[in-house]
All heavy atoms as atom14 arrays in JSON, in Angstrom:
{
  "sequence": "ATGANKYFAQVIFNNTKKGNHFMGGKIVTKSEIFIYGHIRSGRTSK",
  "atom14_mask": [
    [1, 1, 1, 1, 1, 0, 0, 0, 0, 0, 0, 0, 0, 0],
    [1, 1, 1, 1, 1, 1, 1, 0, 0, 0, 0, 0, 0, 0],
    [1, 1, 1, 1, 0, 0, 0, 0, 0, 0, 0, 0, 0, 0],
    [1, 1, 1, 1, 1, 0, 0, 0, 0, 0, 0, 0, 0, 0],
    [1, 1, 1, 1, 1, 1, 1, 1, 0, 0, 0, 0, 0, 0],
    [1, 1, 1, 1, 1, 1, 1, 1, 1, 0, 0, 0, 0, 0],
    [1, 1, 1, 1, 1, 1, 1, 1, 1, 1, 1, 1, 0, 0],
    [1, 1, 1, 1, 1, 1, 1, 1, 1, 1, 1, 0, 0, 0],
    [1, 1, 1, 1, 1, 0, 0, 0, 0, 0, 0, 0, 0, 0],
    [1, 1, 1, 1, 1, 1, 1, 1, 1, 0, 0, 0, 0, 0],
    [1, 1, 1, 1, 1, 1, 1, 0, 0, 0, 0, 0, 0, 0],
    [1, 1, 1, 1, 1, 1, 1, 1, 0, 0, 0, 0, 0, 0],
    [1, 1, 1, 1, 1, 1, 1, 1, 1, 1, 1, 0, 0, 0],
    [1, 1, 1, 1, 1, 1, 1, 1, 0, 0, 0, 0, 0, 0],
    [1, 1, 1, 1, 1, 1, 1, 1, 0, 0, 0, 0, 0, 0],
    [1, 1, 1, 1, 1, 1, 1, 0, 0, 0, 0, 0, 0, 0],
    [1, 1, 1, 1, 1, 1, 1, 1, 1, 0, 0, 0, 0, 0],
    [1, 1, 1, 1, 1, 1, 1, 1, 1, 0, 0, 0, 0, 0],
    [1, 1, 1, 1, 0, 0, 0, 0, 0, 0, 0, 0, 0, 0],
    [1, 1, 1, 1, 1, 1, 1, 1, 0, 0, 0, 0, 0, 0],
    [1, 1, 1, 1, 1, 1, 1, 1, 1, 1, 0, 0, 0, 0],
    [1, 1, 1, 1, 1, 1, 1, 1, 1, 1, 1, 0, 0, 0],
    [1, 1, 1, 1, 1, 1, 1, 1, 0, 0, 0, 0, 0, 0],
    [1, 1, 1, 1, 0, 0, 0, 0, 0, 0, 0, 0, 0, 0],
    [1, 1, 1, 1, 0, 0, 0, 0, 0, 0, 0, 0, 0, 0],
    [1, 1, 1, 1, 1, 1, 1, 1, 1, 0, 0, 0, 0, 0],
    [1, 1, 1, 1, 1, 1, 1, 1, 0, 0, 0, 0, 0, 0],
    [1, 1, 1, 1, 1, 1, 1, 0, 0, 0, 0, 0, 0, 0],
    [1, 1, 1, 1, 1, 1, 1, 0, 0, 0, 0, 0, 0, 0],
    [1, 1, 1, 1, 1, 1, 1, 1, 1, 0, 0, 0, 0, 0],
    [1, 1, 1, 1, 1, 1, 0, 0, 0, 0, 0, 0, 0, 0],
    [1, 1, 1, 1, 1, 1, 1, 1, 1, 0, 0, 0, 0, 0],
    [1, 1, 1, 1, 1, 1, 1, 1, 0, 0, 0, 0, 0, 0],
    [1, 1, 1, 1, 1, 1, 1, 1, 1, 1, 1, 0, 0, 0],
    [1, 1, 1, 1, 1, 1, 1, 1, 0, 0, 0, 0, 0, 0],
    [1, 1, 1, 1, 1, 1, 1, 1, 1, 1, 1, 1, 0, 0],
    [1, 1, 1, 1, 0, 0, 0, 0, 0, 0, 0, 0, 0, 0],
    [1, 1, 1, 1, 1, 1, 1, 1, 1, 1, 0, 0, 0, 0],
    [1, 1, 1, 1, 1, 1, 1, 1, 0, 0, 0, 0, 0, 0],
    [1, 1, 1, 1, 1, 1, 1, 1, 1, 1, 1, 0, 0, 0],
    [1, 1, 1, 1, 1, 1, 0, 0, 0, 0, 0, 0, 0, 0],
    [1, 1, 1, 1, 0, 0, 0, 0, 0, 0, 0, 0, 0, 0],
    [1, 1, 1, 1, 1, 1, 1, 1, 1, 1, 1, 0, 0, 0],
    [1, 1, 1, 1, 1, 1, 1, 0, 0, 0, 0, 0, 0, 0],
    [1, 1, 1, 1, 1, 1, 0, 0, 0, 0, 0, 0, 0, 0],
    [1, 1, 1, 1, 1, 1, 1, 1, 1, 0, 0, 0, 0, 0]
  ],
  "atom14_positions": [
    [[24.66, -5.84, -2.01], [24.66, -6.92, -3.02], [25.26, -6.48, -4.34], [25.84, -7.28, -5.05], [23.24, -7.43, -3.23], [0.0, 0.0, 0.0], [0.0, 0.0, 0.0], [0.0, 0.0, 0.0], [0.0, 0.0, 0.0], [0.0, 0.0, 0.0], [0.0, 0.0, 0.0], [0.0, 0.0, 0.0], [0.0, 0.0, 0.0], [0.0, 0.0, 0.0]],
    [[25.13, -5.19, -4.67], [25.64, -4.69, -5.95], [27.02, -4.11, -5.88], [27.66, -3.93, -6.86], [24.69, -3.64, -6.52], [24.74, -2.48, -5.68], [23.27, -4.14, -6.71], [0.0, 0.0, 0.0], [0.0, 0.0, 0.0], [0.0, 0.0, 0.0], [0.0, 0.0, 0.0], [0.0, 0.0, 0.0], [0.0, 0.0, 0.0], [0.0, 0.0, 0.0]],
    [[27.43, -3.75, -4.67], [28.69, -3.08, -4.51], [28.65, -1.56, -4.61], [29.62, -0.9, -4.4], [0.0, 0.0, 0.0], [0.0, 0.0, 0.0], [0.0, 0.0, 0.0], [0.0, 0.0, 0.0], [0.0, 0.0, 0.0], [0.0, 0.0, 0.0], [0.0, 0.0, 0.0], [0.0, 0.0, 0.0], [0.0, 0.0, 0.0], [0.0, 0.0, 0.0]],
    [[27.49, -1.04, -4.92], [27.32, 0.45, -5.01], [27.26, 1.06, -3.61], [26.96, 0.4, -2.66], [26.04, 0.76, -5.8], [0.0, 0.0, 0.0], [0.0, 0.0, 0.0], [0.0, 0.0, 0.0], [0.0, 0.0, 0.0], [0.0, 0.0, 0.0], [0.0, 0.0, 0.0], [0.0, 0.0, 0.0], [0.0, 0.0, 0.0], [0.0, 0.0, 0.0]],
    [[27.56, 2.35, -3.56], [27.53, 3.08, -2.3], [26.13, 3.11, -1.73], [25.13, 3.08, -2.47], [28.02, 4.51, -2.53], [29.45, 4.53, -3.02], [29.7, 4.26, -4.19], [30.38, 4.85, -2.17], [0.0, 0.0, 0.0], [0.0, 0.0, 0.0], [0.0, 0.0, 0.0], [0.0, 0.0, 0.0], [0.0, 0.0, 0.0], [0.0, 0.0, 0.0]],
    [[26.04, 3.22, -0.4], [24.74, 3.22, 0.29], [23.83, 4.33, -0.21], [22.61, 4.17, -0.2], [24.94, 3.31, 1.81], [25.58, 2.13, 2.45], [25.8, 2.36, 3.91], [26.59, 1.24, 4.55], [26.88, 1.52, 5.95], [0.0, 0.0, 0.0], [0.0, 0.0, 0.0], [0.0, 0.0, 0.0], [0.0, 0.0, 0.0], [0.0, 0.0, 0.0]],
    [[24.4, 5.48, -0.56], [23.54, 6.6, -0.93], [22.83, 6.39, -2.25], [21.94, 7.16, -2.61], [24.32, 7.92, -0.93], [25.62, 7.9, -1.74], [25.62, 7.97, -3.12], [26.84, 7.85, -1.06], [26.81, 7.99, -3.83], [28.04, 7.87, -1.75], [27.99, 7.94, -3.15], [29.19, 7.94, -3.85], [0.0, 0.0, 0.0], [0.0, 0.0, 0.0]],
    [[23.14, 5.35, -2.97], [22.38, 4.99, -4.18], [21.14, 4.17, -3.86], [20.28, 3.99, -4.71], [23.26, 4.24, -5.21], [24.26, 5.09, -5.9], [25.61, 4.84, -5.77], [23.86, 6.13, -6.73], [26.52, 5.62, -6.45], [24.79, 6.93, -7.37], [26.1, 6.68, -7.23], [0.0, 0.0, 0.0], [0.0, 0.0, 0.0], [0.0, 0.0, 0.0]],
    [[21.07, 3.63, -2.63], [19.94, 2.83, -2.25], [18.88, 3.71, -1.52], [19.19, 4.27, -0.48], [20.37, 1.69, -1.3], [0.0, 0.0, 0.0], [0.0, 0.0, 0.0], [0.0, 0.0, 0.0], [0.0, 0.0, 0.0], [0.0, 0.0, 0.0], [0.0, 0.0, 0.0], [0.0, 0.0, 0.0], [0.0, 0.0, 0.0], [0.0, 0.0, 0.0]],
    [[17.75, 3.84, -2.12], [16.66, 4.66, -1.54], [15.41, 3.79, -1.38], [15.12, 2.93, -2.22], [16.36, 5.83, -2.45], [17.55, 6.73, -2.65], [17.24, 7.9, -3.53], [16.19, 8.56, -3.36], [18.13, 8.22, -4.47], [0.0, 0.0, 0.0], [0.0, 0.0, 0.0], [0.0, 0.0, 0.0], [0.0, 0.0, 0.0], [0.0, 0.0, 0.0]],
    [[14.7, 4.01, -0.3], [13.49, 3.23, -0.01], [12.32, 4.19, 0.23], [12.43, 5.18, 0.96], [13.69, 2.39, 1.27], [12.41, 1.6, 1.64], [14.86, 1.42, 1.1], [0.0, 0.0, 0.0], [0.0, 0.0, 0.0], [0.0, 0.0, 0.0], [0.0, 0.0, 0.0], [0.0, 0.0, 0.0], [0.0, 0.0, 0.0], [0.0, 0.0, 0.0]],
    [[11.23, 3.89, -0.48], [10.0, 4.68, -0.32], [8.85, 3.69, -0.03], [8.69, 2.71, -0.75], [9.69, 5.49, -1.56], [10.83, 6.45, -1.9], [8.33, 6.21, -1.45], [10.74, 7.09, -3.27], [0.0, 0.0, 0.0], [0.0, 0.0, 0.0], [0.0, 0.0, 0.0], [0.0, 0.0, 0.0], [0.0, 0.0, 0.0], [0.0, 0.0, 0.0]],
    [[8.09, 3.95, 1.02], [6.97, 3.09, 1.38], [5.67, 3.68, 0.88], [5.41, 4.86, 1.05], [6.9, 2.91, 2.9], [8.05, 2.14, 3.47], [9.16, 2.79, 3.96], [8.03, 0.74, 3.51], [10.22, 2.1, 4.5], [9.09, 0.05, 4.02], [10.21, 0.72, 4.53], [0.0, 0.0, 0.0], [0.0, 0.0, 0.0], [0.0, 0.0, 0.0]],
    [[4.85, 2.83, 0.27], [3.48, 3.19, -0.14], [2.55, 2.15, 0.4], [2.73, 0.94, 0.16], [3.37, 3.25, -1.7], [4.2, 4.35, -2.28], [4.05, 5.5, -1.89], [5.05, 4.02, -3.23], [0.0, 0.0, 0.0], [0.0, 0.0, 0.0], [0.0, 0.0, 0.0], [0.0, 0.0, 0.0], [0.0, 0.0, 0.0], [0.0, 0.0, 0.0]],
    [[1.55, 2.59, 1.11], [0.54, 1.66, 1.61], [-0.66, 1.62, 0.63], [-1.08, 2.68, 0.14], [0.03, 2.09, 2.98], [1.09, 1.88, 4.06], [1.8, 0.88, 4.01], [1.16, 2.78, 5.0], [0.0, 0.0, 0.0], [0.0, 0.0, 0.0], [0.0, 0.0, 0.0], [0.0, 0.0, 0.0], [0.0, 0.0, 0.0], [0.0, 0.0, 0.0]],
    [[-1.15, 0.42, 0.41], [-2.32, 0.26, -0.44], [-3.53, 0.0, 0.47], [-3.46, -0.84, 1.36], [-2.14, -0.96, -1.41], [-0.99, -0.74, -2.17], [-3.34, -1.14, -2.29], [0.0, 0.0, 0.0], [0.0, 0.0, 0.0], [0.0, 0.0, 0.0], [0.0, 0.0, 0.0], [0.0, 0.0, 0.0], [0.0, 0.0, 0.0], [0.0, 0.0, 0.0]],
    [[-4.55, 0.79, 0.32], [-5.73, 0.65, 1.1], [-6.39, -0.7, 0.89], [-6.38, -1.2, -0.21], [-6.72, 1.77, 0.82], [-6.27, 3.15, 1.27], [-7.31, 4.18, 0.94], [-6.83, 5.58, 1.28], [-7.81, 6.61, 0.91], [0.0, 0.0, 0.0], [0.0, 0.0, 0.0], [0.0, 0.0, 0.0], [0.0, 0.0, 0.0], [0.0, 0.0, 0.0]],
    [[-6.96, -1.22, 1.94], [-7.7, -2.51, 1.86], [-8.81, -2.35, 0.81], [-9.52, -1.37, 0.8], [-8.3, -2.86, 3.22], [-8.76, -4.27, 3.3], [-9.16, -4.6, 4.75], [-9.45, -6.08, 4.86], [-9.71, -6.48, 6.24], [0.0, 0.0, 0.0], [0.0, 0.0, 0.0], [0.0, 0.0, 0.0], [0.0, 0.0, 0.0], [0.0, 0.0, 0.0]],
    [[-8.85, -3.3, -0.1], [-9.88, -3.27, -1.13], [-9.37, -2.62, -2.44], [-10.1, -2.55, -3.42], [0.0, 0.0, 0.0], [0.0, 0.0, 0.0], [0.0, 0.0, 0.0], [0.0, 0.0, 0.0], [0.0, 0.0, 0.0], [0.0, 0.0, 0.0], [0.0, 0.0, 0.0], [0.0, 0.0, 0.0], [0.0, 0.0, 0.0], [0.0, 0.0, 0.0]],
    [[-8.11, -2.17, -2.44], [-7.53, -1.54, -3.65], [-6.52, -2.44, -4.36], [-5.73, -1.95, -5.18], [-6.88, -0.21, -3.29], [-7.85, 0.88, -3.05], [-9.08, 0.72, -3.23], [-7.35, 2.04, -2.63], [0.0, 0.0, 0.0], [0.0, 0.0, 0.0], [0.0, 0.0, 0.0], [0.0, 0.0, 0.0], [0.0, 0.0, 0.0], [0.0, 0.0, 0.0]],
    [[-6.47, -3.7, -4.01], [-5.52, -4.63, -4.61], [-6.28, -5.85, -5.11], [-6.99, -6.48, -4.39], [-4.48, -5.02, -3.58], [-3.42, -5.97, -4.1], [-2.62, -6.7, -3.29], [-3.08, -6.32, -5.36], [-1.84, -7.46, -3.98], [-2.08, -7.25, -5.23], [0.0, 0.0, 0.0], [0.0, 0.0, 0.0], [0.0, 0.0, 0.0], [0.0, 0.0, 0.0]],
    [[-6.14, -6.13, -6.42], [-6.83, -7.23, -7.03], [-5.85, -8.15, -7.73], [-4.84, -7.74, -8.26], [-7.81, -6.71, -8.08], [-8.94, -5.87, -7.5], [-8.72, -4.55, -7.16], [-10.19, -6.42, -7.32], [-9.75, -3.79, -6.62], [-11.21, -5.67, -6.77], [-11.0, -4.34, -6.43], [0.0, 0.0, 0.0], [0.0, 0.0, 0.0], [0.0, 0.0, 0.0]],
    [[-6.18, -9.45, -7.72], [-5.47, -10.46, -8.52], [-6.51, -11.34, -9.19], [-7.39, -11.85, -8.5], [-4.56, -11.33, -7.66], [-3.26, -10.66, -7.27], [-2.22, -11.87, -6.42], [-0.88, -10.85, -5.95], [0.0, 0.0, 0.0], [0.0, 0.0, 0.0], [0.0, 0.0, 0.0], [0.0, 0.0, 0.0], [0.0, 0.0, 0.0], [0.0, 0.0, 0.0]],
    [[-6.38, -11.46, -10.48], [-7.37, -12.31, -11.2], [-8.77, -11.79, -11.07], [-9.72, -12.58, -11.12], [0.0, 0.0, 0.0], [0.0, 0.0, 0.0], [0.0, 0.0, 0.0], [0.0, 0.0, 0.0], [0.0, 0.0, 0.0], [0.0, 0.0, 0.0], [0.0, 0.0, 0.0], [0.0, 0.0, 0.0], [0.0, 0.0, 0.0], [0.0, 0.0, 0.0]],
    [[-8.93, -10.47, -10.89], [-10.24, -9.89, -10.78], [-10.87, -9.99, -9.38], [-12.02, -9.6, -9.21], [0.0, 0.0, 0.0], [0.0, 0.0, 0.0], [0.0, 0.0, 0.0], [0.0, 0.0, 0.0], [0.0, 0.0, 0.0], [0.0, 0.0, 0.0], [0.0, 0.0, 0.0], [0.0, 0.0, 0.0], [0.0, 0.0, 0.0], [0.0, 0.0, 0.0]],
    [[-10.13, -10.51, -8.44], [-10.66, -10.7, -7.06], [-9.81, -9.86, -6.11], [-8.62, -9.7, -6.24], [-10.6, -12.16, -6.68], [-11.51, -13.0, -7.54], [-11.51, -14.43, -7.12], [-12.49, -15.19, -8.04], [-12.28, -16.53, -8.18], [0.0, 0.0, 0.0], [0.0, 0.0, 0.0], [0.0, 0.0, 0.0], [0.0, 0.0, 0.0], [0.0, 0.0, 0.0]],
    [[-10.5, -9.37, -5.1], [-9.81, -8.56, -4.07], [-8.84, -9.45, -3.27], [-9.21, -10.55, -2.88], [-10.84, -7.9, -3.09], [-11.66, -6.85, -3.82], [-10.11, -7.28, -1.89], [-12.72, -6.18, -2.99], [0.0, 0.0, 0.0], [0.0, 0.0, 0.0], [0.0, 0.0, 0.0], [0.0, 0.0, 0.0], [0.0, 0.0, 0.0], [0.0, 0.0, 0.0]],
    [[-7.65, -8.95, -3.07], [-6.65, -9.66, -2.3], [-6.91, -9.37, -0.85], [-6.99, -8.2, -0.44], [-5.23, -9.23, -2.67], [-4.17, -9.88, -1.78], [-4.93, -9.6, -4.17], [0.0, 0.0, 0.0], [0.0, 0.0, 0.0], [0.0, 0.0, 0.0], [0.0, 0.0, 0.0], [0.0, 0.0, 0.0], [0.0, 0.0, 0.0], [0.0, 0.0, 0.0]],
    [[-7.08, -10.45, -0.06], [-7.39, -10.26, 1.38], [-6.18, -10.54, 2.26], [-6.18, -10.17, 3.43], [-8.55, -11.15, 1.8], [-8.22, -12.52, 1.5], [-9.83, -10.78, 1.06], [0.0, 0.0, 0.0], [0.0, 0.0, 0.0], [0.0, 0.0, 0.0], [0.0, 0.0, 0.0], [0.0, 0.0, 0.0], [0.0, 0.0, 0.0], [0.0, 0.0, 0.0]],
    [[-5.16, -11.25, 1.75], [-3.97, -11.54, 2.54], [-2.98, -10.39, 2.45], [-2.98, -9.62, 1.47], [-3.32, -12.81, 2.02], [-4.1, -14.07, 2.24], [-3.3, -15.27, 1.8], [-4.08, -16.54, 2.14], [-3.3, -17.73, 1.8], [0.0, 0.0, 0.0], [0.0, 0.0, 0.0], [0.0, 0.0, 0.0], [0.0, 0.0, 0.0], [0.0, 0.0, 0.0]],
    [[-2.13, -10.3, 3.44], [-1.07, -9.27, 3.39], [-0.01, -9.68, 2.37], [0.35, -10.84, 2.26], [-0.4, -9.16, 4.75], [-1.31, -8.63, 5.71], [0.0, 0.0, 0.0], [0.0, 0.0, 0.0], [0.0, 0.0, 0.0], [0.0, 0.0, 0.0], [0.0, 0.0, 0.0], [0.0, 0.0, 0.0], [0.0, 0.0, 0.0], [0.0, 0.0, 0.0]],
    [[0.44, -8.72, 1.63], [1.43, -8.89, 0.6], [2.43, -7.72, 0.7], [2.06, -6.61, 1.07], [0.84, -8.89, -0.82], [-0.33, -9.81, -1.01], [0.07, -11.22, -1.45], [1.2, -11.45, -1.79], [-0.82, -12.07, -1.44], [0.0, 0.0, 0.0], [0.0, 0.0, 0.0], [0.0, 0.0, 0.0], [0.0, 0.0, 0.0], [0.0, 0.0, 0.0]],
    [[3.68, -7.97, 0.37], [4.62, -6.88, 0.23], [5.21, -6.95, -1.18], [5.6, -8.01, -1.65], [5.76, -7.01, 1.26], [5.2, -6.7, 2.66], [6.91, -6.05, 0.91], [6.21, -6.7, 3.74], [0.0, 0.0, 0.0], [0.0, 0.0, 0.0], [0.0, 0.0, 0.0], [0.0, 0.0, 0.0], [0.0, 0.0, 0.0], [0.0, 0.0, 0.0]],
    [[5.2, -5.81, -1.85], [5.74, -5.66, -3.18], [6.94, -4.72, -3.12], [6.83, -3.61, -2.58], [4.72, -5.11, -4.16], [3.58, -6.02, -4.49], [2.55, -6.24, -3.6], [3.6, -6.76, -5.67], [1.52, -7.1, -3.89], [2.58, -7.63, -5.97], [1.54, -7.83, -5.07], [0.0, 0.0, 0.0], [0.0, 0.0, 0.0], [0.0, 0.0, 0.0]],
    [[8.08, -5.15, -3.69], [9.24, -4.32, -3.74], [9.53, -4.07, -5.24], [9.67, -5.01, -5.99], [10.48, -4.98, -3.09], [10.21, -5.21, -1.62], [11.74, -4.12, -3.29], [11.26, -5.99, -0.9], [0.0, 0.0, 0.0], [0.0, 0.0, 0.0], [0.0, 0.0, 0.0], [0.0, 0.0, 0.0], [0.0, 0.0, 0.0], [0.0, 0.0, 0.0]],
    [[9.51, -2.8, -5.62], [9.84, -2.43, -6.96], [11.18, -1.69, -6.93], [11.26, -0.63, -6.35], [8.76, -1.51, -7.55], [7.44, -2.18, -7.72], [6.44, -1.97, -6.73], [7.17, -2.95, -8.77], [5.2, -2.56, -6.86], [5.91, -3.56, -8.91], [4.96, -3.38, -7.95], [3.73, -3.99, -8.08], [0.0, 0.0, 0.0], [0.0, 0.0, 0.0]],
    [[12.19, -2.29, -7.5], [13.52, -1.7, -7.46], [13.95, -1.25, -8.81], [13.86, -1.96, -9.8], [0.0, 0.0, 0.0], [0.0, 0.0, 0.0], [0.0, 0.0, 0.0], [0.0, 0.0, 0.0], [0.0, 0.0, 0.0], [0.0, 0.0, 0.0], [0.0, 0.0, 0.0], [0.0, 0.0, 0.0], [0.0, 0.0, 0.0], [0.0, 0.0, 0.0]],
    [[14.42, -0.03, -8.87], [15.07, 0.5, -10.08], [16.57, 0.39, -9.86], [17.07, 0.8, -8.83], [14.66, 1.98, -10.32], [13.23, 2.16, -10.53], [12.43, 2.79, -9.63], [12.43, 1.77, -11.54], [11.18, 2.82, -10.09], [11.15, 2.18, -11.23], [0.0, 0.0, 0.0], [0.0, 0.0, 0.0], [0.0, 0.0, 0.0], [0.0, 0.0, 0.0]],
    [[17.25, -0.2, -10.8], [18.66, -0.46, -10.69], [19.35, -0.04, -11.98], [18.79, -0.17, -13.04], [18.89, -1.97, -10.36], [20.35, -2.24, -10.02], [18.41, -2.83, -11.48], [20.57, -3.67, -9.48], [0.0, 0.0, 0.0], [0.0, 0.0, 0.0], [0.0, 0.0, 0.0], [0.0, 0.0, 0.0], [0.0, 0.0, 0.0], [0.0, 0.0, 0.0]],
    [[20.56, 0.52, -11.81], [21.32, 0.9, -13.0], [21.71, -0.36, -13.76], [22.17, -1.35, -13.17], [22.57, 1.66, -12.61], [22.26, 3.09, -12.17], [23.5, 3.85, -11.72], [23.96, 3.3, -10.48], [25.24, 3.12, -10.16], [26.21, 3.52, -10.98], [25.59, 2.62, -9.0], [0.0, 0.0, 0.0], [0.0, 0.0, 0.0], [0.0, 0.0, 0.0]],
    [[21.46, -0.34, -15.05], [21.8, -1.54, -15.88], [23.34, -1.77, -15.91], [24.09, -0.88, -15.56], [21.28, -1.33, -17.28], [21.85, -0.21, -17.88], [0.0, 0.0, 0.0], [0.0, 0.0, 0.0], [0.0, 0.0, 0.0], [0.0, 0.0, 0.0], [0.0, 0.0, 0.0], [0.0, 0.0, 0.0], [0.0, 0.0, 0.0], [0.0, 0.0, 0.0]],
    [[23.68, -2.96, -16.26], [25.09, -3.31, -16.41], [25.53, -4.37, -15.39], [26.67, -4.79, -15.4], [0.0, 0.0, 0.0], [0.0, 0.0, 0.0], [0.0, 0.0, 0.0], [0.0, 0.0, 0.0], [0.0, 0.0, 0.0], [0.0, 0.0, 0.0], [0.0, 0.0, 0.0], [0.0, 0.0, 0.0], [0.0, 0.0, 0.0], [0.0, 0.0, 0.0]],
    [[24.64, -4.77, -14.52], [25.01, -5.78, -13.54], [24.64, -7.2, -14.05], [23.68, -7.31, -14.82], [24.31, -5.5, -12.2], [24.87, -4.23, -11.6], [24.25, -3.94, -10.24], [24.87, -2.81, -9.64], [24.51, -1.55, -9.85], [23.56, -1.29, -10.7], [25.11, -0.58, -9.22], [0.0, 0.0, 0.0], [0.0, 0.0, 0.0], [0.0, 0.0, 0.0]],
    [[25.33, -8.16, -13.56], [25.1, -9.53, -14.04], [23.84, -10.13, -13.42], [23.34, -9.6, -12.38], [26.27, -10.46, -13.59], [26.32, -10.53, -12.17], [27.61, -9.93, -14.13], [0.0, 0.0, 0.0], [0.0, 0.0, 0.0], [0.0, 0.0, 0.0], [0.0, 0.0, 0.0], [0.0, 0.0, 0.0], [0.0, 0.0, 0.0], [0.0, 0.0, 0.0]],
    [[23.35, -11.14, -14.03], [22.17, -11.85, -13.49], [22.46, -12.4, -12.11], [21.6, -12.41, -11.24], [21.76, -12.98, -14.42], [21.27, -12.48, -15.63], [0.0, 0.0, 0.0], [0.0, 0.0, 0.0], [0.0, 0.0, 0.0], [0.0, 0.0, 0.0], [0.0, 0.0, 0.0], [0.0, 0.0, 0.0], [0.0, 0.0, 0.0], [0.0, 0.0, 0.0]],
    [[23.69, -12.85, -11.9], [24.07, -13.38, -10.56], [23.92, -12.35, -9.49], [23.35, -12.6, -8.42], [25.53, -13.92, -10.66], [26.0, -14.57, -9.37], [27.43, -15.07, -9.55], [27.93, -15.69, -8.24], [29.29, -16.22, -8.39], [0.0, 0.0, 0.0], [0.0, 0.0, 0.0], [0.0, 0.0, 0.0], [0.0, 0.0, 0.0], [0.0, 0.0, 0.0]]
  ]
}
């Protein structure tokens, strides 16, 4: 999507133990996936 080489794309998985995820002060019971991406600045919003 960015046009950068594949070697700039790295993926690390972290599992959150059941009972260690809260929203609004309540334990989240549904499965969720969170992706946190660090990207070099300078790309357009598009």
